[in-house]
């Protein structure tokens, strides 16, 4: 298994085109390889969902795990951008927007993501170069 020490774990809906595009965005910009990725439908994603007592059959929230803390929805995305650096951390200022407002917008997009961005038949398969960044 991949060592997750000092890494941030990103869990995402593996069949969502918007989620996959977000993962591609991070992969291209994460030069220090701080982030590891796993689909919520996969073995590791399911283990984390159980660990944090979250529904194992609902994949509508992007998740970021930092150490033993799990962040979801807009907070997860903003914290990811903060750790991504290279100017993207400036967007972390949106953390000061009240969470119900941020998450309300997040939930609206999440509820319509398949209709707006499409859905894959199965989870993405990482390329050979990406394999060490993806969890089972």
Protein backbone atom coordinates (compact mmCIF):
# COMPACT_ATOMS: atom_id res chain seq x y z
CA UNK A 1 0.00 0.00 0.00
CA UNK A 2 1.10 3.57 -0.68
CA UNK A 3 2.41 5.50 2.29
CA UNK A 4 -0.05 8.27 3.06
CA UNK A 5 2.20 9.96 5.63
CA UNK A 6 2.39 13.70 4.95
CA UNK A 7 0.04 13.35 1.98
CA UNK A 8 -3.41 14.76 1.43
CA UNK A 9 -5.97 12.23 0.29
CA UNK A 10 -8.59 13.34 -2.22
CA UNK A 11 -11.67 11.14 -2.55
CA UNK A 12 -14.02 11.79 -5.46
CA UNK A 13 -16.91 10.30 -7.42
CA UNK A 14 -15.07 8.09 -9.89
CA UNK A 15 -17.74 8.18 -12.59
CA UNK A 16 -18.37 11.95 -12.53
CA UNK A 17 -16.82 13.92 -15.40
CA UNK A 18 -16.64 17.10 -13.30
CA UNK A 19 -14.85 15.21 -10.51
CA UNK A 20 -12.45 13.62 -12.99
CA UNK A 21 -11.69 17.03 -14.49
CA UNK A 22 -10.97 18.33 -10.98
CA UNK A 23 -8.54 15.46 -10.38
CA UNK A 24 -6.82 16.17 -13.71
CA UNK A 25 -6.57 19.85 -12.70
CA UNK A 26 -4.82 18.94 -9.44
CA UNK A 27 -2.55 16.32 -11.02
CA UNK A 28 -1.22 18.88 -13.52
CA UNK A 29 -0.51 21.49 -10.84
CA UNK A 30 0.67 19.33 -7.92
CA UNK A 31 4.38 19.44 -8.74
CA UNK A 32 5.36 18.35 -5.21
CA UNK A 33 3.02 15.34 -5.39
CA UNK A 34 1.32 16.18 -2.08
CA UNK A 35 -1.99 14.63 -3.11
CA UNK A 36 -3.12 11.05 -3.44
CA UNK A 37 -6.42 10.19 -5.11
CA UNK A 38 -9.06 7.54 -4.73
CA UNK A 39 -12.59 7.07 -5.94
CA UNK A 40 -15.35 6.92 -3.36
CA UNK A 41 -16.50 3.72 -5.08
CA UNK A 42 -13.09 2.05 -4.68
CA UNK A 43 -11.75 -0.09 -1.85
CA UNK A 44 -9.85 2.73 -0.11
CA UNK A 45 -12.68 5.22 -0.60
CA UNK A 46 -15.14 2.79 0.98
CA UNK A 47 -12.77 2.20 3.91
CA UNK A 48 -12.54 5.95 4.57
CA UNK A 49 -16.30 6.36 4.32
CA UNK A 50 -16.75 3.65 6.96
CA UNK A 51 -13.96 5.10 9.13
CA UNK A 52 -15.65 8.51 9.21
CA UNK A 53 -19.18 7.06 9.53
CA UNK A 54 -20.33 8.46 6.20
CA UNK A 55 -22.83 6.78 3.83
CA UNK A 56 -20.97 4.26 1.66
CA UNK A 57 -23.50 4.48 -1.19
CA UNK A 58 -23.68 8.25 -1.71
CA UNK A 59 -20.96 9.83 -3.80
CA UNK A 60 -22.05 13.46 -3.98
CA UNK A 61 -19.28 14.98 -1.87
CA UNK A 62 -15.70 15.66 -2.72
CA UNK A 63 -13.55 14.79 0.32
CA UNK A 64 -10.11 15.84 1.50
CA UNK A 65 -8.40 13.96 4.30
CA UNK A 66 -5.62 15.72 6.18
CA UNK A 67 -4.10 13.43 8.78
CA UNK A 68 -7.12 12.17 10.73
CA UNK A 69 -9.46 15.00 9.74
CA UNK A 70 -11.93 14.72 6.88
CA UNK A 71 -13.27 17.76 5.06
CA UNK A 72 -16.19 17.65 2.66
CA UNK A 73 -17.89 19.80 0.04
CA UNK A 74 -16.71 23.40 -0.35
CA UNK A 75 -14.38 23.28 2.65
CA UNK A 76 -12.55 20.30 1.12
CA UNK A 77 -12.15 22.08 -2.20
CA UNK A 78 -10.92 25.31 -0.62
CA UNK A 79 -8.42 23.49 1.62
CA UNK A 80 -7.15 21.58 -1.42
CA UNK A 81 -6.55 24.86 -3.25
CA UNK A 82 -4.79 26.25 -0.18
CA UNK A 83 -2.38 23.28 -0.14
CA UNK A 84 -1.96 23.31 -3.92
CA UNK A 85 -0.27 26.70 -3.68
CA UNK A 86 1.15 28.42 -6.78
CA UNK A 87 -1.41 31.21 -6.46
CA UNK A 88 -4.40 28.90 -6.02
CA UNK A 89 -4.22 29.40 -2.25
CA UNK A 90 -5.60 32.92 -2.76
CA UNK A 91 -9.01 31.34 -3.38
CA UNK A 92 -8.90 30.08 0.20
CA UNK A 93 -10.20 33.56 1.13
CA UNK A 94 -13.65 32.18 0.21
CA UNK A 95 -13.48 30.18 3.45
CA UNK A 96 -14.81 33.37 5.07
CA UNK A 97 -18.06 33.05 3.12
CA UNK A 98 -20.43 31.35 5.56
CA UNK A 99 -20.34 27.59 5.10
CA UNK A 100 -24.12 27.24 4.53
CA UNK A 101 -23.83 29.57 1.54
CA UNK A 102 -20.70 27.86 0.15
CA UNK A 103 -22.16 24.39 0.66
CA UNK A 104 -25.53 25.46 -0.76
CA UNK A 105 -23.83 26.35 -4.04
CA UNK A 106 -21.74 23.18 -3.85
CA UNK A 107 -24.86 21.02 -3.31
CA UNK A 108 -26.64 22.69 -6.24
CA UNK A 109 -23.76 21.84 -8.57
CA UNK A 110 -23.36 18.34 -7.09
CA UNK A 111 -27.06 17.56 -7.55
CA UNK A 112 -26.85 18.47 -11.26
CA UNK A 113 -23.30 17.40 -12.10
CA UNK A 114 -24.21 14.34 -14.19
CA UNK A 115 -26.74 16.32 -16.21
CA UNK A 116 -24.38 19.27 -16.70
CA UNK A 117 -21.04 17.49 -17.13
CA UNK A 118 -21.90 13.87 -17.89
CA UNK A 119 -21.14 10.53 -16.32
CA UNK A 120 -18.73 7.72 -17.19
CA UNK A 121 -19.66 4.06 -17.36
CA UNK A 122 -16.90 3.19 -14.90
CA UNK A 123 -14.22 4.81 -12.76
CA UNK A 124 -11.20 6.28 -14.53
CA UNK A 125 -8.11 4.15 -14.91
CA UNK A 126 -4.94 6.08 -14.07
CA UNK A 127 -2.19 6.20 -16.64
CA UNK A 128 1.08 4.41 -15.95
CA UNK A 129 2.65 7.71 -14.86
CA UNK A 130 -0.25 8.40 -12.46
CA UNK A 131 -0.51 4.97 -10.81
CA UNK A 132 1.63 5.86 -7.79
CA UNK A 133 -0.75 8.75 -7.03
CA UNK A 134 -3.93 6.63 -6.90
CA UNK A 135 -5.22 4.48 -4.06
CA UNK A 136 -7.06 1.19 -4.58
